[in-house]
Amino acid sequence: MIETRSGIRIVPDQTSGDAAKDDRVEVFGDLPPAKALDATLSSIATRYGPRTRYVVAMQLEYPKL
């Protein structure tokens, strides 16, 4: 179980102690929000391609498409 800063508890239905490094999510907590979103979208583009990045940015109505 993981508890977020705001108190939300996340209980996974499966766990894996052998998760590959590629399966881990990057955290950009030290960046301002807009820069963290840019970094996240960049990570999405690297992992899933620029089209997926575009779709995610569009869904968020993010102006930097």
N, C-alpha and C. Protein backbone atom coordinates (compact mmCIF):
# COMPACT_ATOMS: atom_id res chain seq x y z
N MET A 1 0.84 -1.17 0.00
CA MET A 1 0.00 0.00 0.00
C MET A 1 0.89 1.24 0.00
N ILE A 2 0.46 2.24 -0.74
CA ILE A 2 1.15 3.52 -0.79
C ILE A 2 0.16 4.58 -0.35
N GLU A 3 0.63 5.52 0.46
CA GLU A 3 -0.23 6.62 0.87
C GLU A 3 0.37 7.92 0.34
N THR A 4 -0.44 8.69 -0.39
CA THR A 4 0.02 9.94 -0.96
C THR A 4 0.09 11.02 0.12
N ARG A 5 0.70 12.14 -0.21
CA ARG A 5 0.79 13.25 0.73
C ARG A 5 -0.58 13.74 1.18
N SER A 6 -1.56 13.64 0.30
CA SER A 6 -2.91 14.11 0.64
C SER A 6 -3.74 13.04 1.34
N GLY A 7 -3.13 11.88 1.62
CA GLY A 7 -3.81 10.85 2.39
C GLY A 7 -4.54 9.79 1.59
N ILE A 8 -4.44 9.85 0.26
CA ILE A 8 -5.09 8.83 -0.57
C ILE A 8 -4.27 7.54 -0.47
N ARG A 9 -4.94 6.45 -0.22
CA ARG A 9 -4.26 5.15 -0.12
C ARG A 9 -4.44 4.38 -1.42
N ILE A 10 -3.33 3.93 -1.97
CA ILE A 10 -3.33 3.17 -3.21
C ILE A 10 -2.90 1.76 -2.88
N VAL A 11 -3.77 0.81 -3.16
CA VAL A 11 -3.48 -0.59 -2.89
C VAL A 11 -3.42 -1.33 -4.23
N PRO A 12 -2.24 -1.76 -4.65
CA PRO A 12 -2.13 -2.46 -5.93
C PRO A 12 -2.72 -3.86 -5.85
N ASP A 13 -3.29 -4.31 -6.97
CA ASP A 13 -3.80 -5.68 -6.99
C ASP A 13 -2.68 -6.67 -7.28
N GLN A 14 -1.56 -6.18 -7.82
CA GLN A 14 -0.41 -7.03 -8.07
C GLN A 14 0.85 -6.23 -7.73
N THR A 15 1.87 -6.92 -7.29
CA THR A 15 3.15 -6.27 -7.05
C THR A 15 4.25 -7.11 -7.67
N SER A 16 5.35 -6.45 -7.94
CA SER A 16 6.49 -7.16 -8.50
C SER A 16 7.76 -6.55 -7.95
N GLY A 17 8.47 -7.31 -7.19
CA GLY A 17 9.74 -6.84 -6.65
C GLY A 17 10.82 -6.76 -7.71
N ASP A 18 10.56 -7.38 -8.85
CA ASP A 18 11.54 -7.43 -9.93
C ASP A 18 11.18 -6.48 -11.07
N ALA A 19 10.52 -5.37 -10.78
CA ALA A 19 10.12 -4.45 -11.84
C ALA A 19 11.37 -3.89 -12.53
N ALA A 20 11.33 -3.92 -13.83
CA ALA A 20 12.46 -3.39 -14.60
C ALA A 20 12.54 -1.88 -14.43
N LYS A 21 13.73 -1.34 -14.55
CA LYS A 21 13.89 0.11 -14.40
C LYS A 21 13.04 0.86 -15.42
N ASP A 22 12.87 0.31 -16.60
CA ASP A 22 12.07 0.95 -17.65
C ASP A 22 10.61 1.06 -17.27
N ASP A 23 10.14 0.26 -16.33
CA ASP A 23 8.74 0.28 -15.93
C ASP A 23 8.45 1.30 -14.84
N ARG A 24 9.46 1.96 -14.35
CA ARG A 24 9.28 2.89 -13.25
C ARG A 24 8.91 4.28 -13.77
N VAL A 25 8.19 5.00 -12.97
CA VAL A 25 7.73 6.33 -13.33
C VAL A 25 8.72 7.36 -12.78
N GLU A 26 9.07 8.32 -13.61
CA GLU A 26 9.95 9.39 -13.14
C GLU A 26 9.16 10.38 -12.31
N VAL A 27 9.80 10.97 -11.32
CA VAL A 27 9.17 11.95 -10.46
C VAL A 27 9.90 13.27 -10.64
N PHE A 28 9.15 14.33 -10.88
CA PHE A 28 9.74 15.65 -11.11
C PHE A 28 9.28 16.62 -10.02
N GLY A 29 9.30 16.18 -8.76
CA GLY A 29 8.81 16.97 -7.65
C GLY A 29 9.61 18.22 -7.35
N ASP A 30 10.84 18.28 -7.85
CA ASP A 30 11.68 19.45 -7.57
C ASP A 30 11.51 20.56 -8.60
N LEU A 31 10.68 20.34 -9.62
CA LEU A 31 10.47 21.33 -10.67
C LEU A 31 9.17 22.09 -10.46
N PRO A 32 9.10 23.32 -10.96
CA PRO A 32 7.82 24.02 -10.95
C PRO A 32 6.80 23.24 -11.78
N PRO A 33 5.50 23.39 -11.51
CA PRO A 33 4.49 22.57 -12.18
C PRO A 33 4.56 22.56 -13.71
N ALA A 34 4.71 23.71 -14.34
CA ALA A 34 4.73 23.74 -15.81
C ALA A 34 5.95 23.01 -16.36
N LYS A 35 7.10 23.16 -15.70
CA LYS A 35 8.30 22.45 -16.15
C LYS A 35 8.19 20.95 -15.89
N ALA A 36 7.53 20.58 -14.79
CA ALA A 36 7.31 19.16 -14.50
C ALA A 36 6.41 18.54 -15.56
N LEU A 37 5.40 19.28 -16.00
CA LEU A 37 4.52 18.77 -17.06
C LEU A 37 5.28 18.64 -18.36
N ASP A 38 6.12 19.62 -18.69
CA ASP A 38 6.95 19.52 -19.89
C ASP A 38 7.85 18.29 -19.83
N ALA A 39 8.47 18.07 -18.68
CA ALA A 39 9.36 16.91 -18.52
C ALA A 39 8.59 15.60 -18.62
N THR A 40 7.39 15.58 -18.06
CA THR A 40 6.55 14.38 -18.13
C THR A 40 6.15 14.10 -19.57
N LEU A 41 5.73 15.13 -20.28
CA LEU A 41 5.36 14.95 -21.70
C LEU A 41 6.56 14.50 -22.53
N SER A 42 7.73 15.00 -22.20
CA SER A 42 8.95 14.56 -22.89
C SER A 42 9.21 13.08 -22.63
N SER A 43 9.02 12.66 -21.38
CA SER A 43 9.20 11.24 -21.04
C SER A 43 8.19 10.36 -21.78
N ILE A 44 6.96 10.85 -21.89
CA ILE A 44 5.93 10.11 -22.61
C ILE A 44 6.34 9.98 -24.08
N ALA A 45 6.85 11.06 -24.68
CA ALA A 45 7.29 11.00 -26.07
C ALA A 45 8.43 10.01 -26.27
N THR A 46 9.36 9.99 -25.32
CA THR A 46 10.49 9.06 -25.41
C THR A 46 10.02 7.61 -25.31
N ARG A 47 9.09 7.36 -24.40
CA ARG A 47 8.65 6.00 -24.15
C ARG A 47 7.62 5.49 -25.16
N TYR A 48 6.65 6.37 -25.52
CA TYR A 48 5.53 5.92 -26.34
C TYR A 48 5.46 6.58 -27.71
N GLY A 49 6.28 7.59 -27.95
CA GLY A 49 6.30 8.26 -29.24
C GLY A 49 5.61 9.61 -29.20
N PRO A 50 5.94 10.46 -30.20
CA PRO A 50 5.42 11.82 -30.22
C PRO A 50 3.90 11.90 -30.40
N ARG A 51 3.31 10.95 -31.07
CA ARG A 51 1.85 10.98 -31.25
C ARG A 51 1.13 10.81 -29.91
N THR A 52 1.64 9.92 -29.07
CA THR A 52 1.02 9.72 -27.75
C THR A 52 1.21 10.97 -26.90
N ARG A 53 2.37 11.58 -26.99
CA ARG A 53 2.61 12.83 -26.26
C ARG A 53 1.58 13.88 -26.70
N TYR A 54 1.36 13.97 -28.00
CA TYR A 54 0.39 14.94 -28.53
C TYR A 54 -1.01 14.68 -27.98
N VAL A 55 -1.43 13.41 -27.97
CA VAL A 55 -2.76 13.06 -27.47
C VAL A 55 -2.90 13.41 -25.99
N VAL A 56 -1.88 13.09 -25.20
CA VAL A 56 -1.94 13.40 -23.77
C VAL A 56 -2.00 14.91 -23.55
N ALA A 57 -1.17 15.67 -24.26
CA ALA A 57 -1.19 17.13 -24.12
C ALA A 57 -2.55 17.69 -24.55
N MET A 58 -3.12 17.14 -25.60
CA MET A 58 -4.42 17.59 -26.08
C MET A 58 -5.50 17.29 -25.05
N GLN A 59 -5.46 16.11 -24.43
CA GLN A 59 -6.45 15.75 -23.42
C GLN A 59 -6.37 16.68 -22.21
N LEU A 60 -5.18 17.14 -21.91
CA LEU A 60 -4.99 18.06 -20.79
C LEU A 60 -5.24 19.52 -21.20
N GLU A 61 -5.54 19.72 -22.48
CA GLU A 61 -5.71 21.06 -23.04
C GLU A 61 -4.48 21.91 -22.76
N TYR A 62 -3.34 21.29 -22.93
CA TYR A 62 -2.06 21.95 -22.69
C TYR A 62 -1.67 22.72 -23.95
N PRO A 63 -1.39 24.00 -23.87
CA PRO A 63 -1.16 24.81 -25.06
C PRO A 63 0.13 24.52 -25.82
N LYS A 64 1.10 23.89 -25.18
CA LYS A 64 2.37 23.63 -25.86
C LYS A 64 2.33 22.33 -26.65
N LEU A 65 1.59 22.32 -27.71
CA LEU A 65 1.52 21.13 -28.56
C LEU A 65 2.56 21.29 -29.62
